[in-house]
Protein backbone atom coordinates (compact mmCIF):
# COMPACT_ATOMS: atom_id res chain seq x y z
CA GLU A 1 -4.79 27.42 -1.66
CA LEU A 2 -3.33 27.01 -5.15
CA PHE A 3 -1.88 30.51 -5.18
CA GLU A 4 -0.50 30.03 -1.67
CA THR A 5 1.48 27.12 -3.09
CA LEU A 6 3.05 29.43 -5.68
CA PHE A 7 3.51 32.41 -3.38
CA LYS A 8 5.45 30.42 -0.79
CA PHE A 9 8.38 30.19 -3.22
CA ASP A 10 8.44 33.79 -4.38
CA GLU A 11 6.99 36.74 -2.52
CA ASP A 12 7.18 38.77 -5.73
CA PHE A 13 5.12 36.23 -7.63
CA ASN A 14 3.02 38.00 -10.23
CA PHE A 15 0.29 35.90 -11.82
CA ASP A 16 -0.04 38.31 -14.77
CA ASP A 17 3.65 37.83 -15.60
CA ILE A 18 3.09 34.07 -15.77
CA ILE A 19 -0.07 34.34 -17.88
CA THR A 20 1.48 36.76 -20.36
CA GLY A 21 4.71 34.78 -20.60
CA ARG A 22 6.94 37.57 -19.25
CA LYS A 23 8.09 35.20 -16.53
CA GLY A 24 8.09 31.42 -16.17
CA LEU A 25 7.55 29.16 -13.22
CA THR A 26 10.51 27.82 -11.32
CA ASP A 27 11.06 24.07 -11.07
CA LYS A 28 9.94 24.22 -7.43
CA GLN A 29 6.72 25.99 -8.41
CA VAL A 30 6.02 23.47 -11.18
CA LEU A 31 6.56 20.60 -8.74
CA ALA A 32 4.36 22.29 -6.12
CA LEU A 33 1.57 22.72 -8.68
CA PHE A 34 1.89 19.11 -9.78
CA GLU A 35 1.75 17.88 -6.18
CA HIS A 36 -1.27 20.09 -5.54
CA ASP A 37 -3.05 18.75 -8.62
CA PHE A 38 -2.02 15.17 -7.88
CA VAL A 39 -3.55 15.29 -4.40
CA LYS A 40 -6.77 16.82 -5.75
CA LYS A 41 -7.04 14.28 -8.58
CA SER A 42 -6.17 11.40 -6.26
CA ASP A 43 -8.99 12.45 -3.96
CA ALA A 44 -11.38 12.65 -6.93
CA VAL A 45 -10.29 9.21 -8.19
CA GLU A 46 -10.73 7.60 -4.78
CA ALA A 47 -14.16 9.20 -4.37
CA ALA A 48 -15.31 8.07 -7.82
CA ILE A 49 -13.64 4.63 -7.78
CA PRO A 50 -13.50 3.22 -4.24
CA LYS A 51 -11.62 0.08 -5.36
CA PHE A 52 -8.93 2.08 -7.18
CA HIS A 53 -6.10 0.69 -5.04
CA ASP A 54 -7.20 -2.89 -5.72
CA TYR A 55 -6.32 -2.63 -9.42
CA PRO A 56 -2.92 -3.40 -10.93
CA GLY A 57 -0.53 -0.48 -11.30
CA TYR A 58 -1.01 -0.19 -15.06
CA VAL A 59 -4.78 0.19 -14.56
CA GLN A 60 -4.26 2.74 -11.80
CA ILE A 61 -2.00 4.73 -14.15
CA ALA A 62 -4.65 4.66 -16.90
CA ILE A 63 -7.37 5.76 -14.49
CA MET A 64 -5.26 8.57 -13.03
CA ASP A 65 -4.27 9.71 -16.52
CA GLY A 66 -7.93 9.80 -17.54
CA PHE A 67 -8.76 11.87 -14.46
CA PHE A 68 -5.90 14.31 -15.02
CA ARG A 69 -7.01 14.90 -18.58
CA GLY A 70 -10.69 14.94 -17.67
CA ASP A 71 -11.91 12.34 -20.13
CA LEU A 72 -12.64 9.66 -17.54
CA PRO A 73 -14.78 11.77 -15.21
CA GLY A 74 -16.46 13.05 -18.38
CA SER A 75 -17.59 9.53 -19.21
CA PRO A 76 -20.18 8.42 -16.65
CA GLN A 77 -20.76 5.16 -18.55
CA THR A 78 -17.08 4.22 -18.34
CA LEU A 79 -17.07 4.97 -14.62
CA LYS A 80 -20.22 2.89 -14.20
CA HIS A 81 -18.59 -0.06 -15.95
CA ILE A 82 -15.51 0.27 -13.72
CA LYS A 83 -17.63 0.39 -10.55
CA ASN A 84 -19.67 -2.61 -11.75
CA ASN A 85 -16.49 -4.55 -12.57
CA GLU A 86 -17.56 -4.79 -16.23
CA TRP A 87 -14.03 -4.54 -17.57
CA ASP A 88 -14.94 -5.99 -20.95
CA LYS A 89 -17.02 -2.82 -21.48
CA VAL A 90 -14.63 -0.27 -19.96
CA GLY A 91 -12.16 0.04 -22.86
CA PRO A 92 -14.69 0.24 -25.70
CA GLU A 93 -16.82 2.77 -23.80
CA TYR A 94 -13.77 4.86 -22.88
CA ILE A 95 -12.81 5.44 -26.52
CA ASN A 96 -16.42 5.90 -27.60
CA ASN A 97 -15.66 9.55 -27.08
CA LYS A 98 -15.96 12.57 -29.37
CA GLU A 99 -12.59 13.97 -28.35
CA TYR A 100 -10.92 10.62 -29.10
CA LYS A 101 -12.63 10.29 -32.48
CA ASP A 102 -11.93 13.91 -33.48
CA SER A 103 -8.30 13.58 -32.45
CA LYS A 104 -7.85 10.33 -34.35
CA LYS A 105 -9.11 12.03 -37.53
CA LEU A 106 -6.21 14.50 -37.20
CA GLY A 107 -3.69 11.71 -37.59
CA LYS A 108 -0.61 10.36 -35.93
CA LYS A 109 0.74 13.71 -34.82
CA HIS A 110 -2.26 14.46 -32.62
CA GLY A 111 -1.62 13.08 -29.16
CA VAL A 112 -5.04 12.96 -27.48
CA TRP A 113 -6.19 9.80 -29.22
CA GLN A 114 -2.81 8.15 -28.67
CA ARG A 115 -2.91 8.82 -24.93
CA MET A 116 -6.49 7.61 -24.71
CA TYR A 117 -5.65 4.54 -26.78
CA ARG A 118 -2.87 3.62 -24.31
CA ASN A 119 -5.43 3.80 -21.52
CA TYR A 120 -7.85 1.73 -23.61
CA LEU A 121 -5.16 -0.94 -24.03
CA ALA A 122 -4.62 -1.05 -20.27
CA TYR A 123 -8.35 -1.58 -19.70
CA VAL A 124 -8.51 -4.31 -22.36
CA LYS A 125 -5.43 -6.04 -20.93
CA TYR A 126 -7.01 -6.03 -17.49
CA ALA A 127 -10.31 -7.37 -18.85
CA GLU A 128 -8.43 -10.18 -20.60
CA SER A 129 -6.47 -11.00 -17.45
CA LEU A 130 -9.71 -11.31 -15.50
CA LYS A 131 -11.16 -13.67 -18.12
CA SER A 132 -8.05 -15.86 -18.17
CA SER A 133 -7.95 -16.07 -14.38
CA LYS A 134 -11.53 -17.42 -14.38
CA THR A 135 -10.78 -20.06 -17.03
CA PRO A 136 -9.82 -23.44 -15.47
């Protein structure tokens, strides 16, 4: 299915040329791959988080980003907190992650921790908004 997506744009598509760098992907192929991945990840998100569409856009973006990168599905505790609507625990659990901690040690130029920290901030913001909406 994935290769069919690439082949439909170029009958002479040669996977080895792409892997070795002798040839690059066209813009249409890149977009087709993104759309393919987006549909697959969207399905995975909706299966793992049934209330996904109920969350604000900034939370949906953080969740989708975490699924694309793999760190959110790799954190069963974070997913559990999301499913249980324990948003005060989601952010801290999400960055309680070896990849986040290792990346942060590498400094400002390393992007993994920065991306994860943006997602963390989205989760914290949402948790705070839920608390303030419950306060009379």
